[in-house]
N, C-alpha and C. Protein backbone atom coordinates (compact mmCIF):
# COMPACT_ATOMS: atom_id res chain seq x y z
N MET A 1 106.02 100.03 39.49
CA MET A 1 105.31 100.94 40.34
C MET A 1 106.06 101.04 41.65
N THR A 2 106.34 102.23 42.06
CA THR A 2 107.04 102.43 43.33
C THR A 2 106.05 102.93 44.36
N GLY A 3 106.13 102.35 45.52
CA GLY A 3 105.23 102.74 46.62
C GLY A 3 106.00 103.45 47.73
N PHE A 4 105.29 103.70 48.77
CA PHE A 4 105.88 104.36 49.94
C PHE A 4 106.83 103.38 50.62
N PRO A 5 108.02 103.82 51.01
CA PRO A 5 109.02 102.91 51.60
C PRO A 5 108.68 102.58 53.06
N TRP A 6 107.67 101.71 53.29
CA TRP A 6 107.24 101.37 54.65
C TRP A 6 108.35 100.68 55.44
N GLY A 7 109.12 99.85 54.82
CA GLY A 7 110.19 99.15 55.53
C GLY A 7 111.21 100.12 56.10
N ARG A 8 111.57 101.09 55.29
CA ARG A 8 112.55 102.08 55.73
C ARG A 8 111.98 102.92 56.87
N LEU A 9 110.72 103.33 56.77
CA LEU A 9 110.07 104.13 57.81
C LEU A 9 109.95 103.35 59.11
N SER A 10 109.61 102.08 59.03
CA SER A 10 109.44 101.28 60.25
C SER A 10 110.79 101.07 60.95
N ARG A 11 111.87 100.89 60.17
CA ARG A 11 113.19 100.75 60.78
C ARG A 11 113.61 102.05 61.46
N MET A 12 113.34 103.19 60.83
CA MET A 12 113.68 104.49 61.40
C MET A 12 112.87 104.73 62.68
N LEU A 13 111.60 104.39 62.66
CA LEU A 13 110.74 104.55 63.82
C LEU A 13 111.22 103.65 64.96
N ALA A 14 111.62 102.42 64.64
CA ALA A 14 112.11 101.49 65.65
C ALA A 14 113.38 102.03 66.31
N ARG A 15 114.29 102.62 65.49
CA ARG A 15 115.51 103.22 66.05
C ARG A 15 115.19 104.37 66.99
N MET A 16 114.22 105.20 66.60
CA MET A 16 113.84 106.35 67.43
C MET A 16 113.26 105.89 68.77
N VAL A 17 112.42 104.88 68.74
CA VAL A 17 111.83 104.35 69.97
C VAL A 17 112.91 103.75 70.86
N ALA A 18 113.83 103.00 70.26
CA ALA A 18 114.91 102.39 71.04
C ALA A 18 115.80 103.47 71.66
N THR A 19 116.12 104.51 70.90
CA THR A 19 116.94 105.60 71.42
C THR A 19 116.24 106.30 72.58
N ALA A 20 114.95 106.54 72.44
CA ALA A 20 114.18 107.19 73.51
C ALA A 20 114.14 106.32 74.75
N ALA A 21 113.99 105.01 74.57
CA ALA A 21 113.93 104.10 75.72
C ALA A 21 115.26 104.09 76.46
N VAL A 22 116.37 104.05 75.73
CA VAL A 22 117.69 104.08 76.36
C VAL A 22 117.89 105.40 77.10
N ALA A 23 117.48 106.50 76.51
CA ALA A 23 117.63 107.81 77.15
C ALA A 23 116.81 107.88 78.44
N LEU A 24 115.62 107.32 78.42
CA LEU A 24 114.79 107.33 79.63
C LEU A 24 115.39 106.47 80.72
N MET A 25 115.97 105.33 80.35
CA MET A 25 116.58 104.46 81.35
C MET A 25 117.82 105.10 81.94
N ALA A 26 118.55 105.87 81.17
CA ALA A 26 119.78 106.49 81.64
C ALA A 26 119.52 107.74 82.46
N ALA A 27 118.36 108.36 82.30
CA ALA A 27 118.05 109.59 83.03
C ALA A 27 117.92 109.29 84.51
N PRO A 28 118.54 110.12 85.36
CA PRO A 28 118.44 109.90 86.79
C PRO A 28 117.00 110.12 87.26
N VAL A 29 116.54 109.22 88.09
CA VAL A 29 115.18 109.32 88.62
C VAL A 29 115.26 110.01 89.97
N ALA A 30 114.53 111.10 90.12
CA ALA A 30 114.53 111.82 91.39
C ALA A 30 113.84 110.96 92.44
N ALA A 31 114.47 110.89 93.62
CA ALA A 31 113.88 110.13 94.70
C ALA A 31 112.58 110.80 95.12
N GLU A 32 111.54 110.00 95.15
CA GLU A 32 110.24 110.54 95.53
C GLU A 32 110.21 110.72 97.04
N GLU A 33 109.85 111.91 97.49
CA GLU A 33 109.80 112.19 98.91
C GLU A 33 108.57 111.54 99.52
N VAL A 34 108.79 110.76 100.55
CA VAL A 34 107.69 110.11 101.26
C VAL A 34 107.14 111.09 102.28
N ARG A 35 105.82 111.19 102.34
CA ARG A 35 105.17 112.10 103.28
C ARG A 35 104.27 111.32 104.22
N GLY A 36 104.20 111.81 105.45
CA GLY A 36 103.36 111.17 106.45
C GLY A 36 101.88 111.28 106.10
N PRO A 37 101.11 110.22 106.31
CA PRO A 37 99.69 110.24 105.97
C PRO A 37 98.86 111.14 106.87
N VAL A 38 99.36 111.48 108.05
CA VAL A 38 98.62 112.31 109.00
C VAL A 38 99.00 113.78 108.85
N THR A 39 100.30 114.07 108.87
CA THR A 39 100.77 115.46 108.88
C THR A 39 101.14 115.99 107.50
N ASN A 40 101.36 115.09 106.55
CA ASN A 40 101.87 115.44 105.22
C ASN A 40 103.27 116.04 105.29
N LEU A 41 103.99 115.79 106.38
CA LEU A 41 105.38 116.21 106.52
C LEU A 41 106.29 115.08 106.04
N PRO A 42 107.52 115.41 105.66
CA PRO A 42 108.43 114.38 105.14
C PRO A 42 108.72 113.28 106.16
N LEU A 43 108.88 112.07 105.65
CA LEU A 43 109.32 110.92 106.46
C LEU A 43 110.54 110.33 105.79
N PRO A 44 111.57 109.98 106.54
CA PRO A 44 111.73 110.29 107.95
C PRO A 44 112.07 111.76 108.16
N ARG A 45 111.90 112.23 109.42
CA ARG A 45 112.26 113.59 109.79
C ARG A 45 112.67 113.59 111.25
N TYR A 46 113.43 114.61 111.64
CA TYR A 46 113.91 114.70 113.01
C TYR A 46 113.05 115.65 113.83
N VAL A 47 112.86 115.29 115.10
CA VAL A 47 112.15 116.10 116.08
C VAL A 47 112.93 115.97 117.39
N SER A 48 112.40 116.57 118.45
CA SER A 48 113.01 116.39 119.76
C SER A 48 111.93 116.03 120.77
N LEU A 49 112.37 115.48 121.88
CA LEU A 49 111.47 115.08 122.94
C LEU A 49 111.09 116.30 123.77
N LYS A 50 109.81 116.61 123.82
CA LYS A 50 109.32 117.79 124.54
C LYS A 50 109.29 117.54 126.05
N ALA A 51 108.95 116.35 126.44
CA ALA A 51 108.78 116.02 127.85
C ALA A 51 110.08 115.47 128.45
N SER A 52 110.19 115.56 129.77
CA SER A 52 111.37 115.01 130.43
C SER A 52 111.24 113.49 130.60
N GLU A 53 110.01 112.97 130.46
CA GLU A 53 109.77 111.53 130.47
C GLU A 53 108.75 111.20 129.40
N SER A 54 108.99 110.12 128.69
CA SER A 54 108.07 109.73 127.63
C SER A 54 108.02 108.22 127.51
N ASN A 55 106.82 107.67 127.57
CA ASN A 55 106.65 106.23 127.38
C ASN A 55 106.83 105.88 125.91
N VAL A 56 107.58 104.83 125.67
CA VAL A 56 107.77 104.32 124.31
C VAL A 56 107.03 102.98 124.25
N ARG A 57 106.03 102.93 123.39
CA ARG A 57 105.13 101.77 123.34
C ARG A 57 105.42 100.87 122.15
N ARG A 58 104.96 99.64 122.28
CA ARG A 58 105.15 98.65 121.23
C ARG A 58 104.31 98.96 120.00
N GLY A 59 103.18 99.62 120.17
CA GLY A 59 102.30 99.96 119.06
C GLY A 59 101.65 101.31 119.28
N PRO A 60 100.88 101.78 118.30
CA PRO A 60 100.33 103.14 118.35
C PRO A 60 99.00 103.27 119.11
N SER A 61 99.00 102.94 120.40
CA SER A 61 97.82 103.19 121.24
C SER A 61 98.20 102.99 122.70
N LEU A 62 97.35 103.48 123.59
CA LEU A 62 97.59 103.35 125.03
C LEU A 62 97.47 101.91 125.50
N THR A 63 96.83 101.06 124.71
CA THR A 63 96.68 99.65 125.10
C THR A 63 97.94 98.83 124.82
N HIS A 64 98.84 99.36 124.03
CA HIS A 64 100.08 98.64 123.76
C HIS A 64 101.04 98.76 124.95
N ARG A 65 101.82 97.73 125.11
CA ARG A 65 102.77 97.63 126.20
C ARG A 65 103.84 98.73 126.11
N ILE A 66 104.26 99.25 127.26
CA ILE A 66 105.38 100.20 127.32
C ILE A 66 106.67 99.39 127.32
N ASP A 67 107.50 99.62 126.30
CA ASP A 67 108.77 98.89 126.22
C ASP A 67 109.85 99.56 127.08
N TRP A 68 109.90 100.86 127.08
CA TRP A 68 110.82 101.61 127.93
C TRP A 68 110.38 103.05 128.02
N ILE A 69 111.15 103.85 128.76
CA ILE A 69 110.81 105.26 128.97
C ILE A 69 112.02 106.11 128.61
N TYR A 70 111.82 107.07 127.70
CA TYR A 70 112.88 108.05 127.42
C TYR A 70 112.87 109.06 128.55
N LYS A 71 114.06 109.43 129.04
CA LYS A 71 114.14 110.34 130.18
C LYS A 71 115.05 111.53 129.93
N ARG A 72 115.23 111.93 128.69
CA ARG A 72 116.09 113.09 128.38
C ARG A 72 115.31 114.11 127.57
N ARG A 73 114.92 115.18 128.22
CA ARG A 73 114.23 116.27 127.54
C ARG A 73 115.13 116.79 126.41
N ASP A 74 114.54 117.15 125.29
CA ASP A 74 115.22 117.69 124.10
C ASP A 74 116.02 116.64 123.32
N MET A 75 115.93 115.38 123.70
CA MET A 75 116.66 114.33 122.98
C MET A 75 116.18 114.28 121.52
N PRO A 76 117.10 114.27 120.56
CA PRO A 76 116.68 114.16 119.16
C PRO A 76 116.15 112.76 118.86
N LEU A 77 115.10 112.73 118.07
CA LEU A 77 114.50 111.47 117.63
C LEU A 77 114.17 111.59 116.15
N GLU A 78 114.11 110.47 115.49
CA GLU A 78 113.74 110.45 114.08
C GLU A 78 112.37 109.80 113.94
N ILE A 79 111.42 110.52 113.35
CA ILE A 79 110.10 109.95 113.09
C ILE A 79 110.17 109.15 111.80
N THR A 80 109.74 107.88 111.89
CA THR A 80 109.78 107.01 110.72
C THR A 80 108.39 106.61 110.23
N ALA A 81 107.36 106.86 111.05
CA ALA A 81 105.98 106.53 110.64
C ALA A 81 104.99 107.32 111.47
N GLU A 82 103.77 107.43 110.95
CA GLU A 82 102.68 108.13 111.64
C GLU A 82 101.43 107.25 111.63
N HIS A 83 100.69 107.32 112.73
CA HIS A 83 99.40 106.62 112.80
C HIS A 83 98.53 107.40 113.78
N GLY A 84 97.55 108.13 113.28
CA GLY A 84 96.69 108.93 114.15
C GLY A 84 97.52 109.93 114.95
N HIS A 85 97.37 109.88 116.27
CA HIS A 85 98.12 110.79 117.16
C HIS A 85 99.47 110.20 117.58
N TRP A 86 99.90 109.15 116.95
CA TRP A 86 101.12 108.45 117.35
C TRP A 86 102.19 108.57 116.28
N ARG A 87 103.45 108.62 116.74
CA ARG A 87 104.59 108.68 115.83
C ARG A 87 105.57 107.56 116.21
N ARG A 88 105.99 106.79 115.20
CA ARG A 88 107.03 105.80 115.44
C ARG A 88 108.36 106.52 115.35
N VAL A 89 109.16 106.40 116.40
CA VAL A 89 110.43 107.12 116.47
C VAL A 89 111.57 106.14 116.71
N GLN A 90 112.77 106.61 116.41
CA GLN A 90 113.96 105.86 116.80
C GLN A 90 115.01 106.85 117.26
N ASP A 91 115.86 106.39 118.18
CA ASP A 91 116.91 107.24 118.72
C ASP A 91 118.23 106.97 118.00
N SER A 92 119.29 107.58 118.49
CA SER A 92 120.59 107.46 117.83
C SER A 92 121.14 106.04 117.84
N ASP A 93 120.66 105.21 118.76
CA ASP A 93 121.10 103.81 118.82
C ASP A 93 120.26 102.90 117.94
N GLY A 94 119.22 103.45 117.31
CA GLY A 94 118.34 102.67 116.47
C GLY A 94 117.18 102.04 117.23
N ALA A 95 117.14 102.24 118.55
CA ALA A 95 116.02 101.73 119.35
C ALA A 95 114.83 102.66 119.16
N GLY A 96 113.64 102.11 119.24
CA GLY A 96 112.49 102.97 119.06
C GLY A 96 111.19 102.32 119.41
N GLY A 97 110.13 103.00 119.06
CA GLY A 97 108.79 102.54 119.34
C GLY A 97 107.83 103.68 119.04
N TRP A 98 106.63 103.60 119.60
CA TRP A 98 105.59 104.58 119.33
C TRP A 98 105.44 105.55 120.50
N VAL A 99 105.38 106.84 120.17
CA VAL A 99 105.25 107.92 121.16
C VAL A 99 104.09 108.80 120.74
N HIS A 100 103.31 109.27 121.72
CA HIS A 100 102.20 110.18 121.42
C HIS A 100 102.77 111.50 120.91
N TYR A 101 102.15 112.06 119.89
CA TYR A 101 102.68 113.27 119.24
C TYR A 101 102.81 114.45 120.20
N SER A 102 101.99 114.51 121.25
CA SER A 102 102.04 115.65 122.17
C SER A 102 103.33 115.69 122.99
N LEU A 103 104.09 114.60 122.99
CA LEU A 103 105.35 114.54 123.72
C LEU A 103 106.55 114.92 122.86
N LEU A 104 106.28 115.28 121.60
CA LEU A 104 107.35 115.61 120.65
C LEU A 104 107.28 117.08 120.27
N SER A 105 108.43 117.63 119.90
CA SER A 105 108.52 119.03 119.50
C SER A 105 109.24 119.12 118.15
N GLY A 106 108.88 120.12 117.38
CA GLY A 106 109.56 120.37 116.11
C GLY A 106 110.89 121.08 116.29
N VAL A 107 111.23 121.47 117.51
CA VAL A 107 112.52 122.12 117.78
C VAL A 107 113.62 121.11 117.49
N ARG A 108 114.58 121.51 116.68
CA ARG A 108 115.64 120.60 116.26
C ARG A 108 116.81 120.60 117.23
N THR A 109 117.19 119.41 117.63
CA THR A 109 118.37 119.22 118.46
C THR A 109 119.21 118.11 117.84
N VAL A 110 120.45 118.02 118.29
CA VAL A 110 121.34 116.95 117.85
C VAL A 110 122.06 116.37 119.07
N LEU A 111 122.56 115.16 118.91
CA LEU A 111 123.31 114.49 119.96
C LEU A 111 124.77 114.43 119.53
N VAL A 112 125.65 114.96 120.38
CA VAL A 112 127.08 114.97 120.07
C VAL A 112 127.61 113.53 120.13
N GLN A 113 128.27 113.10 119.05
CA GLN A 113 128.76 111.73 118.90
C GLN A 113 130.28 111.62 119.04
N GLN A 114 130.93 112.72 119.36
CA GLN A 114 132.39 112.75 119.42
C GLN A 114 132.79 113.44 120.72
N ASP A 115 133.70 112.85 121.47
CA ASP A 115 134.10 113.47 122.73
C ASP A 115 134.93 114.72 122.48
N MET A 116 134.64 115.74 123.26
CA MET A 116 135.32 117.04 123.18
C MET A 116 135.25 117.62 121.76
N LEU A 117 134.04 117.63 121.24
CA LEU A 117 133.78 118.19 119.91
C LEU A 117 134.05 119.69 119.93
N GLU A 118 134.90 120.14 119.04
CA GLU A 118 135.24 121.56 118.97
C GLU A 118 134.19 122.32 118.16
N LEU A 119 133.69 123.41 118.74
CA LEU A 119 132.83 124.34 118.02
C LEU A 119 133.72 125.46 117.51
N HIS A 120 133.54 125.83 116.25
CA HIS A 120 134.39 126.84 115.61
C HIS A 120 133.60 128.12 115.33
N ALA A 121 134.33 129.23 115.22
CA ALA A 121 133.71 130.53 114.95
C ALA A 121 133.11 130.59 113.54
N ARG A 122 133.65 129.80 112.63
CA ARG A 122 133.16 129.72 111.26
C ARG A 122 133.13 128.26 110.83
N ALA A 123 132.52 128.00 109.71
CA ALA A 123 132.45 126.63 109.17
C ALA A 123 133.78 126.28 108.50
N ASP A 124 134.81 126.19 109.34
CA ASP A 124 136.17 125.95 108.85
C ASP A 124 136.97 125.36 110.01
N GLU A 125 137.62 124.22 109.78
CA GLU A 125 138.36 123.58 110.86
C GLU A 125 139.55 124.40 111.35
N ASN A 126 139.98 125.38 110.57
CA ASN A 126 141.07 126.26 111.00
C ASN A 126 140.59 127.52 111.71
N ALA A 127 139.27 127.69 111.81
CA ALA A 127 138.71 128.86 112.50
C ALA A 127 138.91 128.69 114.01
N PRO A 128 138.93 129.81 114.75
CA PRO A 128 139.11 129.73 116.20
C PRO A 128 138.04 128.85 116.87
N VAL A 129 138.45 128.12 117.89
CA VAL A 129 137.53 127.27 118.65
C VAL A 129 136.81 128.13 119.68
N THR A 130 135.47 128.04 119.69
CA THR A 130 134.67 128.84 120.63
C THR A 130 134.28 128.04 121.87
N ALA A 131 134.22 126.71 121.75
CA ALA A 131 133.85 125.86 122.88
C ALA A 131 134.12 124.41 122.50
N LYS A 132 134.07 123.54 123.50
CA LYS A 132 134.17 122.10 123.28
C LYS A 132 132.99 121.44 123.98
N LEU A 133 132.38 120.47 123.29
CA LEU A 133 131.23 119.76 123.83
C LEU A 133 131.59 118.30 124.08
N ALA A 134 131.15 117.78 125.21
CA ALA A 134 131.42 116.39 125.57
C ALA A 134 130.52 115.43 124.81
N LEU A 135 130.95 114.21 124.71
CA LEU A 135 130.18 113.14 124.10
C LEU A 135 128.84 113.02 124.82
N GLY A 136 127.74 112.95 124.06
CA GLY A 136 126.42 112.77 124.65
C GLY A 136 125.67 114.05 124.96
N VAL A 137 126.30 115.20 124.76
CA VAL A 137 125.62 116.48 124.99
C VAL A 137 124.53 116.67 123.94
N ILE A 138 123.39 117.21 124.36
CA ILE A 138 122.33 117.57 123.43
C ILE A 138 122.47 119.06 123.13
N ALA A 139 122.54 119.40 121.85
CA ALA A 139 122.71 120.80 121.43
C ALA A 139 121.56 121.18 120.50
N TYR A 140 121.23 122.45 120.52
CA TYR A 140 120.21 122.97 119.60
C TYR A 140 120.85 123.17 118.24
N LEU A 141 120.10 122.84 117.19
CA LEU A 141 120.59 122.91 115.82
C LEU A 141 120.20 124.23 115.19
N GLY A 142 121.18 124.93 114.62
CA GLY A 142 120.93 126.18 113.91
C GLY A 142 121.10 125.98 112.41
N ASP A 143 121.75 126.93 111.77
CA ASP A 143 121.98 126.87 110.33
C ASP A 143 122.89 125.70 109.97
N CYS A 144 122.68 125.15 108.78
CA CYS A 144 123.54 124.10 108.25
C CYS A 144 123.91 124.43 106.81
N VAL A 145 125.18 124.27 106.50
CA VAL A 145 125.66 124.37 105.12
C VAL A 145 126.07 122.96 104.69
N GLU A 146 126.82 122.83 103.63
CA GLU A 146 127.11 121.51 103.05
C GLU A 146 127.58 120.48 104.08
N THR A 147 128.59 120.79 104.87
CA THR A 147 129.15 119.79 105.79
C THR A 147 129.22 120.28 107.23
N TRP A 148 128.72 121.47 107.51
CA TRP A 148 128.80 122.05 108.85
C TRP A 148 127.44 122.55 109.32
N CYS A 149 127.26 122.57 110.66
CA CYS A 149 126.05 123.13 111.27
C CYS A 149 126.42 123.98 112.48
N VAL A 150 125.58 124.97 112.75
CA VAL A 150 125.73 125.77 113.97
C VAL A 150 125.04 125.00 115.10
N LEU A 151 125.76 124.84 116.21
CA LEU A 151 125.21 124.20 117.40
C LEU A 151 125.24 125.19 118.54
N GLU A 152 124.26 125.07 119.45
CA GLU A 152 124.22 125.91 120.65
C GLU A 152 123.93 125.01 121.83
N ALA A 153 124.79 125.09 122.84
CA ALA A 153 124.59 124.30 124.06
C ALA A 153 125.20 125.04 125.24
N GLY A 154 124.44 125.15 126.29
CA GLY A 154 124.96 125.77 127.51
C GLY A 154 125.40 127.21 127.34
N GLY A 155 124.79 127.93 126.42
CA GLY A 155 125.17 129.32 126.19
C GLY A 155 126.34 129.49 125.22
N TYR A 156 126.90 128.40 124.75
CA TYR A 156 128.00 128.45 123.79
C TYR A 156 127.46 128.13 122.41
N GLU A 157 128.05 128.76 121.40
CA GLU A 157 127.60 128.55 120.03
C GLU A 157 128.80 128.47 119.10
N GLY A 158 128.68 127.64 118.08
CA GLY A 158 129.73 127.54 117.08
C GLY A 158 129.38 126.52 116.02
N TRP A 159 130.25 126.43 115.04
CA TRP A 159 130.07 125.52 113.91
C TRP A 159 130.76 124.19 114.21
N ALA A 160 130.10 123.09 113.82
CA ALA A 160 130.67 121.75 113.98
C ALA A 160 130.37 120.93 112.73
N PRO A 161 131.23 119.96 112.42
CA PRO A 161 130.97 119.10 111.27
C PRO A 161 129.71 118.26 111.50
N LYS A 162 128.92 118.09 110.46
CA LYS A 162 127.70 117.28 110.55
C LYS A 162 128.02 115.84 110.97
N THR A 163 129.17 115.35 110.57
CA THR A 163 129.53 113.96 110.85
C THR A 163 129.76 113.70 112.34
N ALA A 164 129.88 114.75 113.14
CA ALA A 164 130.16 114.60 114.57
C ALA A 164 128.90 114.58 115.43
N VAL A 165 127.73 114.70 114.80
CA VAL A 165 126.48 114.74 115.56
C VAL A 165 125.44 113.82 114.92
N TRP A 166 124.45 113.43 115.73
CA TRP A 166 123.31 112.66 115.22
C TRP A 166 122.06 113.51 115.34
N GLY A 167 121.28 113.57 114.26
CA GLY A 167 120.03 114.33 114.29
C GLY A 167 119.92 115.28 113.12
N VAL A 168 120.83 115.19 112.17
CA VAL A 168 120.78 116.00 110.96
C VAL A 168 121.26 115.12 109.80
N ASP A 169 120.59 115.22 108.66
CA ASP A 169 120.98 114.44 107.49
C ASP A 169 122.20 115.06 106.82
N PRO A 170 123.06 114.24 106.20
CA PRO A 170 124.27 114.76 105.55
C PRO A 170 123.98 115.80 104.47
N GLU A 171 122.87 115.67 103.75
CA GLU A 171 122.56 116.61 102.67
C GLU A 171 121.65 117.76 103.12
N GLU A 172 121.30 117.80 104.39
CA GLU A 172 120.36 118.81 104.88
C GLU A 172 120.99 120.20 104.96
N LEU A 173 120.28 121.18 104.43
CA LEU A 173 120.69 122.59 104.49
C LEU A 173 119.63 123.34 105.29
N ARG A 174 120.06 124.20 106.20
CA ARG A 174 119.13 124.99 107.03
C ARG A 174 119.65 126.41 107.13
N ASN A 175 118.71 127.36 107.15
CA ASN A 175 119.08 128.76 107.42
C ASN A 175 117.93 129.50 108.03
């Protein structure tokens, strides 16, 4: 009497499960975007300092000690956390603390990290130079392509490499 070949079926099923498991492990996992619990905006994200002076506190309330004071209007900052009306920020040096959200702006700026940074007429290092920016200048951020961004400072505008500024992610595209 011949029956159903259960052994053969179970081996085939085991191979299929193993193949599927290997395929799932090899598939690239998309990085899950973290969102702020208050604003539902991406974290981390860049903003700028709206006020010309801003207290940076040890924690997210007025009762926390002031560690220092930011004194550069439009300075780019990176928000790394949210708590109520407070945002944990850090600057280009990695220093940070908690700032009240009303002192921050969504206007994007960057900090020039290279002395005499050349701005170009196009996103090409061989394009004509339209201006040069000194180290530490704060510029407004415009469009960004793969490795270049439009910067505007002091009435001058041009394209600069993303690697020469702080306040924009390497993979960030803007238009």
